[in-house]
Amino acid sequence: MSVQRRPTMYDVAALAGVSHQTVSRYLRADPTVGAESSTRIQAAVDELGYRPNLTARAMRTRSTGVVAIILPGWTGPERTVEAACEEAQRLGYQVEIVIGVNEDPAALSRLADDILGRGQVDGVLSVTPLTVKTGGVVVQTDEFDDRLRAVEAVATDESTMEELVGRLAALGHREFFHVAGPQDWKSAQLRRAGYLKACERLGLRSHGVYDGPWHPETGMEAVQSLPADTPVTAVVAASDHIATGVLRGAFERGWRVPQDLSVTGWDDLTLVRYGTPALSTVRVDRESSGRHGMRRLIAAIRNQPEPDPLPAAPTQILFRETTAPPT
């Protein structure tokens, strides 16, 4: 029986045409490694499936080689987390995903204290603010505030919503309905404002704004609130979760999407790309936030300078199968 040998740093170095010391420096994110060498090393790492020997490194450096990402007990920043995990692996770290049952920031802070206090990880990346008493290394991605409300990339939400409504109007829609998120969230406020401004500027008729939690039930209830003879042809939802409920509500009322009703969301969650029909939405670059947050965490662990701040995350309007000209 043949046994496949685990690739080593020396194998990576040989394939990349560099020294093993250069590979070691690359895995520590040493900025002195040139761009060409970095590209060759990463290609060799990917081809060989190389992963650092964390046990040996822990004995040598007294580091676990493991970082944790703490999440509230709900789905949301999936693309942020995926990108953060990829960046950690690229920099030679394994990742533990820790999901708190209680969304309260104080409870999540206690969870981080416990993990850091037991020496399980070298540091913690969190999408929510934490107050840690153990003195461990903790970095936030700044996507959510202490009430778990989105704060990242909201500056352009208003103008993006105006553009979204304008594109629906260009398809021929004139009768609109907005299903908004909770109005104590800045992002929901800006999207609502952008919707109303676009309707006024373009002479479109808004048949109301329905506020509610970031939940599919909000979308279902909003559609159920419309009269049977509603002239609405376009429903603009403030999130993909809400839009999913809108789609279900339309189905239950016998309204076809997009023939009878065009529907848009916001976030570009992975699942909505593969639904039938695939949801038209707004994509926000959350991957950059995840990668940058992980780079900040590992730089802090290694006592290296903090990376430069990220520019404002771009947004992209994606029209898929839930939008069409009104019939």
C-alpha atoms as a PDB file:
ATOM      1  CA  MET A   1       0.000   0.000   0.000  1.00  0.00           C
ATOM      2  CA  SER A   2       1.431   3.371  -1.009  1.00  0.00           C
ATOM      3  CA  VAL A   3       1.338   6.285   1.401  1.00  0.00           C
ATOM      4  CA  GLN A   4       1.266   9.787  -0.005  1.00  0.00           C
ATOM      5  CA  ARG A   5       3.803  12.046   1.690  1.00  0.00           C
ATOM      6  CA  ARG A   6       2.561  15.381   2.990  1.00  0.00           C
ATOM      7  CA  PRO A   7       4.156  18.248   1.022  1.00  0.00           C
ATOM      8  CA  THR A   8       6.707  20.287   2.926  1.00  0.00           C
ATOM      9  CA  MET A   9       7.985  23.837   2.776  1.00  0.00           C
ATOM     10  CA  TYR A  10      11.012  22.494   0.884  1.00  0.00           C
ATOM     11  CA  ASP A  11       8.707  21.043  -1.799  1.00  0.00           C
ATOM     12  CA  VAL A  12       7.026  24.425  -2.174  1.00  0.00           C
ATOM     13  CA  ALA A  13      10.402  26.138  -2.441  1.00  0.00           C
ATOM     14  CA  ALA A  14      11.621  23.694  -5.103  1.00  0.00           C
ATOM     15  CA  LEU A  15       8.495  24.102  -7.230  1.00  0.00           C
ATOM     16  CA  ALA A  16       8.524  27.898  -6.888  1.00  0.00           C
ATOM     17  CA  GLY A  17      12.249  28.159  -7.567  1.00  0.00           C
ATOM     18  CA  VAL A  18      13.046  29.998  -4.333  1.00  0.00           C
ATOM     19  CA  SER A  19      14.700  29.154  -1.033  1.00  0.00           C
ATOM     20  CA  HIS A  20      12.751  27.617   1.838  1.00  0.00           C
ATOM     21  CA  GLN A  21      13.626  30.724   3.855  1.00  0.00           C
ATOM     22  CA  THR A  22      11.766  32.835   1.265  1.00  0.00           C
ATOM     23  CA  VAL A  23       8.746  30.539   1.529  1.00  0.00           C
ATOM     24  CA  SER A  24       8.858  30.908   5.307  1.00  0.00           C
ATOM     25  CA  ARG A  25       8.948  34.690   5.020  1.00  0.00           C
ATOM     26  CA  TYR A  26       6.035  34.642   2.550  1.00  0.00           C
ATOM     27  CA  LEU A  27       3.916  32.572   4.932  1.00  0.00           C
ATOM     28  CA  ARG A  28       4.620  35.141   7.665  1.00  0.00           C
ATOM     29  CA  ALA A  29       3.399  37.898   5.281  1.00  0.00           C
ATOM     30  CA  ASP A  30       6.860  39.451   5.236  1.00  0.00           C
ATOM     31  CA  PRO A  31       6.621  42.525   2.974  1.00  0.00           C
ATOM     32  CA  THR A  32      10.206  42.036   1.752  1.00  0.00           C
ATOM     33  CA  VAL A  33       9.125  39.100  -0.426  1.00  0.00           C
ATOM     34  CA  GLY A  34       8.768  40.411  -3.980  1.00  0.00           C
ATOM     35  CA  ALA A  35       5.557  40.278  -5.978  1.00  0.00           C
ATOM     36  CA  GLU A  36       6.930  37.816  -8.550  1.00  0.00           C
ATOM     37  CA  SER A  37       8.213  35.446  -5.871  1.00  0.00           C
ATOM     38  CA  SER A  38       4.943  35.728  -3.961  1.00  0.00           C
ATOM     39  CA  THR A  39       2.958  34.767  -7.065  1.00  0.00           C
ATOM     40  CA  ARG A  40       5.164  31.719  -7.709  1.00  0.00           C
ATOM     41  CA  ILE A  41       5.046  30.616  -4.075  1.00  0.00           C
ATOM     42  CA  GLN A  42       1.247  30.913  -3.855  1.00  0.00           C
ATOM     43  CA  ALA A  43       0.898  28.950  -7.103  1.00  0.00           C
ATOM     44  CA  ALA A  44       3.132  26.219  -5.665  1.00  0.00           C
ATOM     45  CA  VAL A  45       1.169  26.180  -2.391  1.00  0.00           C
ATOM     46  CA  ASP A  46      -2.075  25.772  -4.324  1.00  0.00           C
ATOM     47  CA  GLU A  47      -0.707  23.099  -6.658  1.00  0.00           C
ATOM     48  CA  LEU A  48       0.796  20.992  -3.868  1.00  0.00           C
ATOM     49  CA  GLY A  49      -2.013  21.580  -1.374  1.00  0.00           C
ATOM     50  CA  TYR A  50       0.602  22.627   1.181  1.00  0.00           C
ATOM     51  CA  ARG A  51      -0.462  23.412   4.734  1.00  0.00           C
ATOM     52  CA  PRO A  52       2.005  24.380   7.486  1.00  0.00           C
ATOM     53  CA  ASN A  53       2.718  21.817  10.196  1.00  0.00           C
ATOM     54  CA  LEU A  54       1.019  23.652  13.052  1.00  0.00           C
ATOM     55  CA  THR A  55       2.123  21.202  15.732  1.00  0.00           C
ATOM     56  CA  ALA A  56       5.775  21.680  14.890  1.00  0.00           C
ATOM     57  CA  ARG A  57       5.345  25.419  14.673  1.00  0.00           C
ATOM     58  CA  ALA A  58       3.589  25.538  18.032  1.00  0.00           C
ATOM     59  CA  MET A  59       6.517  23.710  19.676  1.00  0.00           C
ATOM     60  CA  ARG A  60       9.008  26.024  18.001  1.00  0.00           C
ATOM     61  CA  THR A  61       7.228  29.364  18.414  1.00  0.00           C
ATOM     62  CA  ARG A  62       4.759  28.752  21.271  1.00  0.00           C
ATOM     63  CA  SER A  63       2.001  29.793  18.903  1.00  0.00           C
ATOM     64  CA  THR A  64      -1.081  27.682  18.172  1.00  0.00           C
ATOM     65  CA  GLY A  65      -1.209  28.730  14.531  1.00  0.00           C
ATOM     66  CA  VAL A  66      -4.980  28.975  14.944  1.00  0.00           C
ATOM     67  CA  VAL A  67      -7.249  32.030  14.897  1.00  0.00           C
ATOM     68  CA  ALA A  68     -10.959  32.193  15.688  1.00  0.00           C
ATOM     69  CA  ILE A  69     -13.798  34.028  13.960  1.00  0.00           C
ATOM     70  CA  ILE A  70     -16.695  34.761  16.318  1.00  0.00           C
ATOM     71  CA  LEU A  71     -20.153  35.137  14.819  1.00  0.00           C
ATOM     72  CA  PRO A  72     -23.557  35.875  16.315  1.00  0.00           C
ATOM     73  CA  GLY A  73     -26.069  33.023  16.160  1.00  0.00           C
ATOM     74  CA  TRP A  74     -27.447  34.020  12.763  1.00  0.00           C
ATOM     75  CA  THR A  75     -26.433  33.864   9.121  1.00  0.00           C
ATOM     76  CA  GLY A  76     -25.337  37.012   7.378  1.00  0.00           C
ATOM     77  CA  PRO A  77     -21.658  37.800   6.773  1.00  0.00           C
ATOM     78  CA  GLU A  78     -20.989  34.528   4.937  1.00  0.00           C
ATOM     79  CA  ARG A  79     -18.862  36.063   2.171  1.00  0.00           C
ATOM     80  CA  THR A  80     -16.875  38.088   4.708  1.00  0.00           C
ATOM     81  CA  VAL A  81     -16.069  34.938   6.674  1.00  0.00           C
ATOM     82  CA  GLU A  82     -15.196  32.872   3.613  1.00  0.00           C
ATOM     83  CA  ALA A  83     -12.705  35.489   2.427  1.00  0.00           C
ATOM     84  CA  ALA A  84     -11.228  35.814   5.941  1.00  0.00           C
ATOM     85  CA  CYS A  85     -10.705  32.043   6.102  1.00  0.00           C
ATOM     86  CA  GLU A  86      -8.965  32.004   2.725  1.00  0.00           C
ATOM     87  CA  GLU A  87      -6.664  34.827   3.822  1.00  0.00           C
ATOM     88  CA  ALA A  88      -5.820  33.063   7.097  1.00  0.00           C
ATOM     89  CA  GLN A  89      -4.895  29.882   5.257  1.00  0.00           C
ATOM     90  CA  ARG A  90      -2.797  31.838   2.801  1.00  0.00           C
ATOM     91  CA  LEU A  91      -0.882  33.314   5.741  1.00  0.00           C
ATOM     92  CA  GLY A  92      -0.370  29.906   7.334  1.00  0.00           C
ATOM     93  CA  TYR A  93      -3.159  29.843   9.937  1.00  0.00           C
ATOM     94  CA  GLN A  94      -6.049  27.517  10.565  1.00  0.00           C
ATOM     95  CA  VAL A  95      -9.437  28.959  11.487  1.00  0.00           C
ATOM     96  CA  GLU A  96     -12.037  27.957  14.028  1.00  0.00           C
ATOM     97  CA  ILE A  97     -15.534  29.321  13.458  1.00  0.00           C
ATOM     98  CA  VAL A  98     -17.265  29.999  16.772  1.00  0.00           C
ATOM     99  CA  ILE A  99     -21.001  30.773  16.637  1.00  0.00           C
ATOM    100  CA  GLY A 100     -22.539  32.330  19.719  1.00  0.00           C
ATOM    101  CA  VAL A 101     -26.032  31.146  20.611  1.00  0.00           C
ATOM    102  CA  ASN A 102     -26.761  34.527  22.196  1.00  0.00           C
ATOM    103  CA  GLU A 103     -26.482  37.540  19.853  1.00  0.00           C
ATOM    104  CA  ASP A 104     -25.902  39.938  22.755  1.00  0.00           C
ATOM    105  CA  PRO A 105     -22.452  41.581  22.434  1.00  0.00           C
ATOM    106  CA  ALA A 106     -21.735  41.028  26.154  1.00  0.00           C
ATOM    107  CA  ALA A 107     -22.323  37.283  25.753  1.00  0.00           C
ATOM    108  CA  LEU A 108     -20.108  37.188  22.662  1.00  0.00           C
ATOM    109  CA  SER A 109     -17.398  39.061  24.593  1.00  0.00           C
ATOM    110  CA  ARG A 110     -17.518  36.451  27.363  1.00  0.00           C
ATOM    111  CA  LEU A 111     -17.187  33.740  24.741  1.00  0.00           C
ATOM    112  CA  ALA A 112     -14.084  35.430  23.314  1.00  0.00           C
ATOM    113  CA  ASP A 113     -12.622  35.797  26.824  1.00  0.00           C
ATOM    114  CA  ASP A 114     -13.084  32.087  27.417  1.00  0.00           C
ATOM    115  CA  ILE A 115     -11.438  31.072  24.139  1.00  0.00           C
ATOM    116  CA  LEU A 116      -8.478  33.422  24.581  1.00  0.00           C
ATOM    117  CA  GLY A 117      -8.107  32.612  28.279  1.00  0.00           C
ATOM    118  CA  ARG A 118      -7.701  28.897  27.575  1.00  0.00           C
ATOM    119  CA  GLY A 119      -5.001  29.564  24.995  1.00  0.00           C
ATOM    120  CA  GLN A 120      -6.924  27.817  22.208  1.00  0.00           C
ATOM    121  CA  VAL A 121      -6.137  30.447  19.598  1.00  0.00           C
ATOM    122  CA  ASP A 122      -3.635  33.205  18.885  1.00  0.00           C
ATOM    123  CA  GLY A 123      -6.321  35.806  18.229  1.00  0.00           C
ATOM    124  CA  VAL A 124      -9.981  36.477  17.457  1.00  0.00           C
ATOM    125  CA  LEU A 125     -11.637  38.161  14.483  1.00  0.00           C
ATOM    126  CA  SER A 126     -15.167  39.383  15.141  1.00  0.00           C
ATOM    127  CA  VAL A 127     -17.816  40.962  12.906  1.00  0.00           C
ATOM    128  CA  THR A 128     -19.301  42.643  16.000  1.00  0.00           C
ATOM    129  CA  PRO A 129     -17.719  44.830  18.708  1.00  0.00           C
ATOM    130  CA  LEU A 130     -16.270  42.865  21.637  1.00  0.00           C
ATOM    131  CA  THR A 131     -15.050  43.970  25.056  1.00  0.00           C
ATOM    132  CA  VAL A 132     -12.389  41.451  26.051  1.00  0.00           C
ATOM    133  CA  LYS A 133     -10.854  41.391  29.527  1.00  0.00           C
ATOM    134  CA  THR A 134      -8.173  38.734  29.010  1.00  0.00           C
ATOM    135  CA  GLY A 135      -5.883  41.014  27.032  1.00  0.00           C
ATOM    136  CA  GLY A 136      -5.809  38.764  23.973  1.00  0.00           C
ATOM    137  CA  VAL A 137      -5.537  39.926  20.367  1.00  0.00           C
ATOM    138  CA  VAL A 138      -8.989  40.873  19.044  1.00  0.00           C
ATOM    139  CA  VAL A 139      -9.777  42.621  15.747  1.00  0.00           C
ATOM    140  CA  GLN A 140     -13.188  43.695  14.405  1.00  0.00           C
ATOM    141  CA  THR A 141     -14.186  43.943  10.748  1.00  0.00           C
ATOM    142  CA  ASP A 142     -16.352  47.013  11.567  1.00  0.00           C
ATOM    143  CA  GLU A 143     -19.331  45.588   9.636  1.00  0.00           C
ATOM    144  CA  PHE A 144     -21.748  45.768  12.591  1.00  0.00           C
ATOM    145  CA  ASP A 145     -22.170  48.050  15.595  1.00  0.00           C
ATOM    146  CA  ASP A 146     -22.780  47.035  19.225  1.00  0.00           C
ATOM    147  CA  ARG A 147     -26.452  46.383  18.427  1.00  0.00           C
ATOM    148  CA  LEU A 148     -25.463  44.162  15.483  1.00  0.00           C
ATOM    149  CA  ARG A 149     -26.581  46.770  12.952  1.00  0.00           C
ATOM    150  CA  ALA A 150     -24.656  47.027   9.691  1.00  0.00           C
ATOM    151  CA  VAL A 151     -22.302  50.001   9.509  1.00  0.00           C
ATOM    152  CA  GLU A 152     -20.039  48.889   6.675  1.00  0.00           C
ATOM    153  CA  ALA A 153     -20.399  50.338   3.173  1.00  0.00           C
ATOM    154  CA  VAL A 154     -23.634  52.216   3.872  1.00  0.00           C
ATOM    155  CA  ALA A 155     -22.375  55.569   2.604  1.00  0.00           C
ATOM    156  CA  THR A 156     -23.292  54.684  -0.995  1.00  0.00           C
ATOM    157  CA  ASP A 157     -26.561  52.869  -0.183  1.00  0.00           C
ATOM    158  CA  GLU A 158     -28.747  55.882  -0.953  1.00  0.00           C
ATOM    159  CA  SER A 159     -27.238  56.615  -4.368  1.00  0.00           C
ATOM    160  CA  THR A 160     -27.134  52.915  -5.249  1.00  0.00           C
ATOM    161  CA  MET A 161     -30.826  52.572  -4.425  1.00  0.00           C
ATOM    162  CA  GLU A 162     -31.590  55.596  -6.600  1.00  0.00           C
ATOM    163  CA  GLU A 163     -29.709  53.952  -9.459  1.00  0.00           C
ATOM    164  CA  LEU A 164     -31.515  50.639  -8.894  1.00  0.00           C
ATOM    165  CA  VAL A 165     -34.950  52.260  -9.066  1.00  0.00           C
ATOM    166  CA  GLY A 166     -33.814  54.199 -12.133  1.00  0.00           C
ATOM    167  CA  ARG A 167     -32.854  50.980 -13.896  1.00  0.00           C
ATOM    168  CA  LEU A 168     -36.243  49.462 -13.123  1.00  0.00           C
ATOM    169  CA  ALA A 169     -37.863  52.605 -14.490  1.00  0.00           C
ATOM    170  CA  ALA A 170     -35.771  52.234 -17.651  1.00  0.00           C
ATOM    171  CA  LEU A 171     -37.370  48.806 -18.107  1.00  0.00           C
ATOM    172  CA  GLY A 172     -40.749  50.561 -18.131  1.00  0.00           C
ATOM    173  CA  HIS A 173     -41.877  50.226 -14.492  1.00  0.00           C
ATOM    174  CA  ARG A 174     -43.917  53.110 -13.077  1.00  0.00           C
ATOM    175  CA  GLU A 175     -45.756  51.513 -10.109  1.00  0.00           C
ATOM    176  CA  PHE A 176     -43.428  50.713  -7.176  1.00  0.00           C
ATOM    177  CA  PHE A 177     -43.514  49.267  -3.660  1.00  0.00           C
ATOM    178  CA  HIS A 178     -40.610  49.233  -1.175  1.00  0.00           C
ATOM    179  CA  VAL A 179     -40.149  46.601   1.532  1.00  0.00           C
ATOM    180  CA  ALA A 180     -37.682  48.248   3.898  1.00  0.00           C
ATOM    181  CA  GLY A 181     -35.612  46.939   6.767  1.00  0.00           C
ATOM    182  CA  PRO A 182     -35.829  48.134  10.396  1.00  0.00           C
ATOM    183  CA  GLN A 183     -35.519  51.906  10.465  1.00  0.00           C
ATOM    184  CA  ASP A 184     -33.112  51.980  13.425  1.00  0.00           C
ATOM    185  CA  TRP A 185     -30.502  50.650  10.957  1.00  0.00           C
ATOM    186  CA  LYS A 186     -28.621  53.337   9.026  1.00  0.00           C
ATOM    187  CA  SER A 187     -28.430  51.146   5.935  1.00  0.00           C
ATOM    188  CA  ALA A 188     -32.222  50.680   5.916  1.00  0.00           C
ATOM    189  CA  GLN A 189     -32.742  54.426   6.352  1.00  0.00           C
ATOM    190  CA  LEU A 190     -30.467  55.253   3.421  1.00  0.00           C
ATOM    191  CA  ARG A 191     -32.029  52.666   1.109  1.00  0.00           C
ATOM    192  CA  ARG A 192     -35.496  53.959   1.939  1.00  0.00           C
ATOM    193  CA  ALA A 193     -34.374  57.547   1.313  1.00  0.00           C
ATOM    194  CA  GLY A 194     -32.830  56.580  -2.019  1.00  0.00           C
ATOM    195  CA  TYR A 195     -36.027  54.812  -3.070  1.00  0.00           C
ATOM    196  CA  LEU A 196     -38.238  57.806  -2.230  1.00  0.00           C
ATOM    197  CA  LYS A 197     -35.873  60.299  -3.885  1.00  0.00           C
ATOM    198  CA  ALA A 198     -35.765  58.251  -7.087  1.00  0.00           C
ATOM    199  CA  CYS A 199     -39.555  57.954  -7.208  1.00  0.00           C
ATOM    200  CA  GLU A 200     -39.952  61.707  -6.782  1.00  0.00           C
ATOM    201  CA  ARG A 201     -37.201  62.637  -9.227  1.00  0.00           C
ATOM    202  CA  LEU A 202     -38.404  60.263 -11.963  1.00  0.00           C
ATOM    203  CA  GLY A 203     -42.125  60.855 -11.481  1.00  0.00           C
ATOM    204  CA  LEU A 204     -42.776  57.269 -10.392  1.00  0.00           C
ATOM    205  CA  ARG A 205     -45.719  56.237  -8.233  1.00  0.00           C
ATOM    206  CA  SER A 206     -44.839  54.646  -4.882  1.00  0.00           C
ATOM    207  CA  HIS A 207     -47.592  52.526  -3.368  1.00  0.00           C
ATOM    208  CA  GLY A 208     -46.009  52.633   0.069  1.00  0.00           C
ATOM    209  CA  VAL A 209     -43.075  51.544   2.194  1.00  0.00           C
ATOM    210  CA  TYR A 210     -43.438  48.486   4.419  1.00  0.00           C
ATOM    211  CA  ASP A 211     -40.989  48.421   7.353  1.00  0.00           C
ATOM    212  CA  GLY A 212     -39.973  45.284   9.199  1.00  0.00           C
ATOM    213  CA  PRO A 213     -37.120  43.088  10.456  1.00  0.00           C
ATOM    214  CA  TRP A 214     -34.452  41.657   8.150  1.00  0.00           C
ATOM    215  CA  HIS A 215     -36.455  38.457   7.744  1.00  0.00           C
ATOM    216  CA  PRO A 216     -38.331  36.695   4.899  1.00  0.00           C
ATOM    217  CA  GLU A 217     -41.541  37.020   6.936  1.00  0.00           C
ATOM    218  CA  THR A 218     -41.380  40.783   6.383  1.00  0.00           C
ATOM    219  CA  GLY A 219     -41.415  40.247   2.636  1.00  0.00           C
ATOM    220  CA  MET A 220     -44.314  37.808   2.811  1.00  0.00           C
ATOM    221  CA  GLU A 221     -46.386  40.128   4.993  1.00  0.00           C
ATOM    222  CA  ALA A 222     -45.635  43.082   2.717  1.00  0.00           C
ATOM    223  CA  VAL A 223     -46.901  41.275  -0.373  1.00  0.00           C
ATOM    224  CA  GLN A 224     -49.965  40.043   1.504  1.00  0.00           C
ATOM    225  CA  SER A 225     -50.770  43.670   2.414  1.00  0.00           C
ATOM    226  CA  LEU A 226     -51.198  44.642  -1.232  1.00  0.00           C
ATOM    227  CA  PRO A 227     -54.747  44.606  -2.648  1.00  0.00           C
ATOM    228  CA  ALA A 228     -55.621  41.949  -5.213  1.00  0.00           C
ATOM    229  CA  ASP A 229     -55.947  44.568  -7.966  1.00  0.00           C
ATOM    230  CA  THR A 230     -52.721  46.402  -7.096  1.00  0.00           C
ATOM    231  CA  PRO A 231     -51.080  48.153 -10.047  1.00  0.00           C
ATOM    232  CA  VAL A 232     -47.606  47.544  -8.529  1.00  0.00           C
ATOM    233  CA  THR A 233     -45.223  45.964 -11.019  1.00  0.00           C
ATOM    234  CA  ALA A 234     -41.910  46.340  -9.129  1.00  0.00           C
ATOM    235  CA  VAL A 235     -41.127  45.475  -5.502  1.00  0.00           C
ATOM    236  CA  VAL A 236     -37.804  46.783  -4.217  1.00  0.00           C
ATOM    237  CA  ALA A 237     -36.680  44.902  -1.097  1.00  0.00           C
ATOM    238  CA  ALA A 238     -33.978  46.212   1.249  1.00  0.00           C
ATOM    239  CA  SER A 239     -32.268  42.811   1.614  1.00  0.00           C
ATOM    240  CA  ASP A 240     -32.076  39.392  -0.012  1.00  0.00           C
ATOM    241  CA  HIS A 241     -33.713  37.794   3.030  1.00  0.00           C
ATOM    242  CA  ILE A 242     -36.692  40.121   2.675  1.00  0.00           C
ATOM    243  CA  ALA A 243     -36.797  39.619  -1.098  1.00  0.00           C
ATOM    244  CA  THR A 244     -36.951  35.855  -0.588  1.00  0.00           C
ATOM    245  CA  GLY A 245     -40.131  36.390   1.426  1.00  0.00           C
ATOM    246  CA  VAL A 246     -41.489  38.656  -1.312  1.00  0.00           C
ATOM    247  CA  LEU A 247     -40.972  35.867  -3.850  1.00  0.00           C
ATOM    248  CA  ARG A 248     -42.788  33.395  -1.624  1.00  0.00           C
ATOM    249  CA  GLY A 249     -45.618  35.831  -1.004  1.00  0.00           C
ATOM    250  CA  ALA A 250     -46.016  36.456  -4.729  1.00  0.00           C
ATOM    251  CA  PHE A 251     -46.109  32.707  -5.372  1.00  0.00           C
ATOM    252  CA  GLU A 252     -48.816  32.193  -2.767  1.00  0.00           C
ATOM    253  CA  ARG A 253     -50.923  34.938  -4.364  1.00  0.00           C
ATOM    254  CA  GLY A 254     -50.509  33.466  -7.824  1.00  0.00           C
ATOM    255  CA  TRP A 255     -48.405  36.370  -9.091  1.00  0.00           C
ATOM    256  CA  ARG A 256     -45.665  35.370 -11.515  1.00  0.00           C
ATOM    257  CA  VAL A 257     -42.128  36.719 -11.171  1.00  0.00           C
ATOM    258  CA  PRO A 258     -41.032  38.516 -13.287  1.00  0.00           C
ATOM    259  CA  GLN A 259     -44.055  38.447 -15.637  1.00  0.00           C
ATOM    260  CA  ASP A 260     -46.451  40.036 -13.117  1.00  0.00           C
ATOM    261  CA  LEU A 261     -43.984  41.413 -10.582  1.00  0.00           C
ATOM    262  CA  SER A 262     -40.310  42.340 -10.764  1.00  0.00           C
ATOM    263  CA  VAL A 263     -38.443  41.844  -7.474  1.00  0.00           C
ATOM    264  CA  THR A 264     -35.017  43.042  -6.333  1.00  0.00           C
ATOM    265  CA  GLY A 265     -32.987  42.382  -3.188  1.00  0.00           C
ATOM    266  CA  TRP A 266     -29.742  43.609  -1.660  1.00  0.00           C
ATOM    267  CA  ASP A 267     -26.543  41.758  -0.564  1.00  0.00           C
ATOM    268  CA  ASP A 268     -26.132  39.000  -3.199  1.00  0.00           C
ATOM    269  CA  LEU A 269     -26.241  36.104  -0.757  1.00  0.00           C
ATOM    270  CA  THR A 270     -24.907  32.901  -2.278  1.00  0.00           C
ATOM    271  CA  LEU A 271     -28.211  31.017  -2.229  1.00  0.00           C
ATOM    272  CA  VAL A 272     -30.188  33.668  -4.121  1.00  0.00           C
ATOM    273  CA  ARG A 273     -27.935  33.255  -7.142  1.00  0.00           C
ATOM    274  CA  TYR A 274     -29.130  29.664  -7.515  1.00  0.00           C
ATOM    275  CA  GLY A 275     -32.826  30.077  -6.785  1.00  0.00           C
ATOM    276  CA  THR A 276     -35.528  29.678  -9.413  1.00  0.00           C
ATOM    277  CA  PRO A 277     -35.786  32.395 -10.521  1.00  0.00           C
ATOM    278  CA  ALA A 278     -32.356  33.785  -9.633  1.00  0.00           C
ATOM    279  CA  LEU A 279     -32.776  37.009  -7.640  1.00  0.00           C
ATOM    280  CA  SER A 280     -31.820  40.411  -9.033  1.00  0.00           C
ATOM    281  CA  THR A 281     -29.909  42.204  -6.301  1.00  0.00           C
ATOM    282  CA  VAL A 282     -27.131  44.574  -5.255  1.00  0.00           C
ATOM    283  CA  ARG A 283     -23.733  43.054  -4.610  1.00  0.00           C
ATOM    284  CA  VAL A 284     -21.525  44.591  -1.907  1.00  0.00           C
ATOM    285  CA  ASP A 285     -17.827  43.760  -1.747  1.00  0.00           C
ATOM    286  CA  ARG A 286     -17.743  41.995   1.631  1.00  0.00           C
ATOM    287  CA  GLU A 287     -14.803  39.793   0.624  1.00  0.00           C
ATOM    288  CA  SER A 288     -12.368  42.701   0.875  1.00  0.00           C
ATOM    289  CA  SER A 289     -13.610  43.406   4.409  1.00  0.00           C
ATOM    290  CA  GLY A 290     -12.996  39.794   5.438  1.00  0.00           C
ATOM    291  CA  ARG A 291      -9.528  39.613   3.928  1.00  0.00           C
ATOM    292  CA  HIS A 292      -8.536  42.976   5.385  1.00  0.00           C
ATOM    293  CA  GLY A 293      -9.846  42.058   8.831  1.00  0.00           C
ATOM    294  CA  MET A 294      -7.836  38.831   8.861  1.00  0.00           C
ATOM    295  CA  ARG A 295      -4.692  40.651   7.682  1.00  0.00           C
ATOM    296  CA  ARG A 296      -5.148  43.132  10.549  1.00  0.00           C
ATOM    297  CA  LEU A 297      -5.538  40.298  13.055  1.00  0.00           C
ATOM    298  CA  ILE A 298      -2.476  38.374  11.932  1.00  0.00           C
ATOM    299  CA  ALA A 299      -0.406  41.572  11.730  1.00  0.00           C
ATOM    300  CA  ALA A 300      -1.369  42.278  15.364  1.00  0.00           C
ATOM    301  CA  ILE A 301      -0.464  38.729  16.405  1.00  0.00           C
ATOM    302  CA  ARG A 302       2.935  39.079  14.733  1.00  0.00           C
ATOM    303  CA  ASN A 303       3.520  42.612  16.060  1.00  0.00           C
ATOM    304  CA  GLN A 304       3.636  43.962  12.520  1.00  0.00           C
ATOM    305  CA  PRO A 305       2.320  47.344  11.286  1.00  0.00           C
ATOM    306  CA  GLU A 306      -1.421  47.471  10.655  1.00  0.00           C
ATOM    307  CA  PRO A 307      -2.420  47.318   6.962  1.00  0.00           C
ATOM    308  CA  ASP A 308      -3.639  50.503   5.295  1.00  0.00           C
ATOM    309  CA  PRO A 309      -7.391  51.200   5.687  1.00  0.00           C
ATOM    310  CA  LEU A 310      -9.743  49.917   3.022  1.00  0.00           C
ATOM    311  CA  PRO A 311     -11.384  52.328   0.578  1.00  0.00           C
ATOM    312  CA  ALA A 312     -15.188  52.426   0.479  1.00  0.00           C
ATOM    313  CA  ALA A 313     -16.554  49.095  -0.709  1.00  0.00           C
ATOM    314  CA  PRO A 314     -18.051  49.277  -4.216  1.00  0.00           C
ATOM    315  CA  THR A 315     -21.571  48.098  -5.032  1.00  0.00           C
ATOM    316  CA  GLN A 316     -22.828  46.452  -8.211  1.00  0.00           C
ATOM    317  CA  ILE A 317     -26.424  46.141  -9.411  1.00  0.00           C
ATOM    318  CA  LEU A 318     -27.091  42.662 -10.811  1.00  0.00           C
ATOM    319  CA  PHE A 319     -30.267  42.094 -12.798  1.00  0.00           C
ATOM    320  CA  ARG A 320     -30.996  38.388 -13.095  1.00  0.00           C
ATOM    321  CA  GLU A 321     -34.236  36.463 -13.577  1.00  0.00           C
ATOM    322  CA  THR A 322     -36.593  38.340 -11.206  1.00  0.00           C
ATOM    323  CA  THR A 323     -36.634  41.547 -13.221  1.00  0.00           C
ATOM    324  CA  ALA A 324     -38.183  42.222 -16.635  1.00  0.00           C
ATOM    325  CA  PRO A 325     -40.226  44.898 -18.385  1.00  0.00           C
ATOM    326  CA  PRO A 326     -43.827  45.067 -17.119  1.00  0.00           C
ATOM    327  CA  THR A 327     -46.373  43.238 -19.233  1.00  0.00           C
END
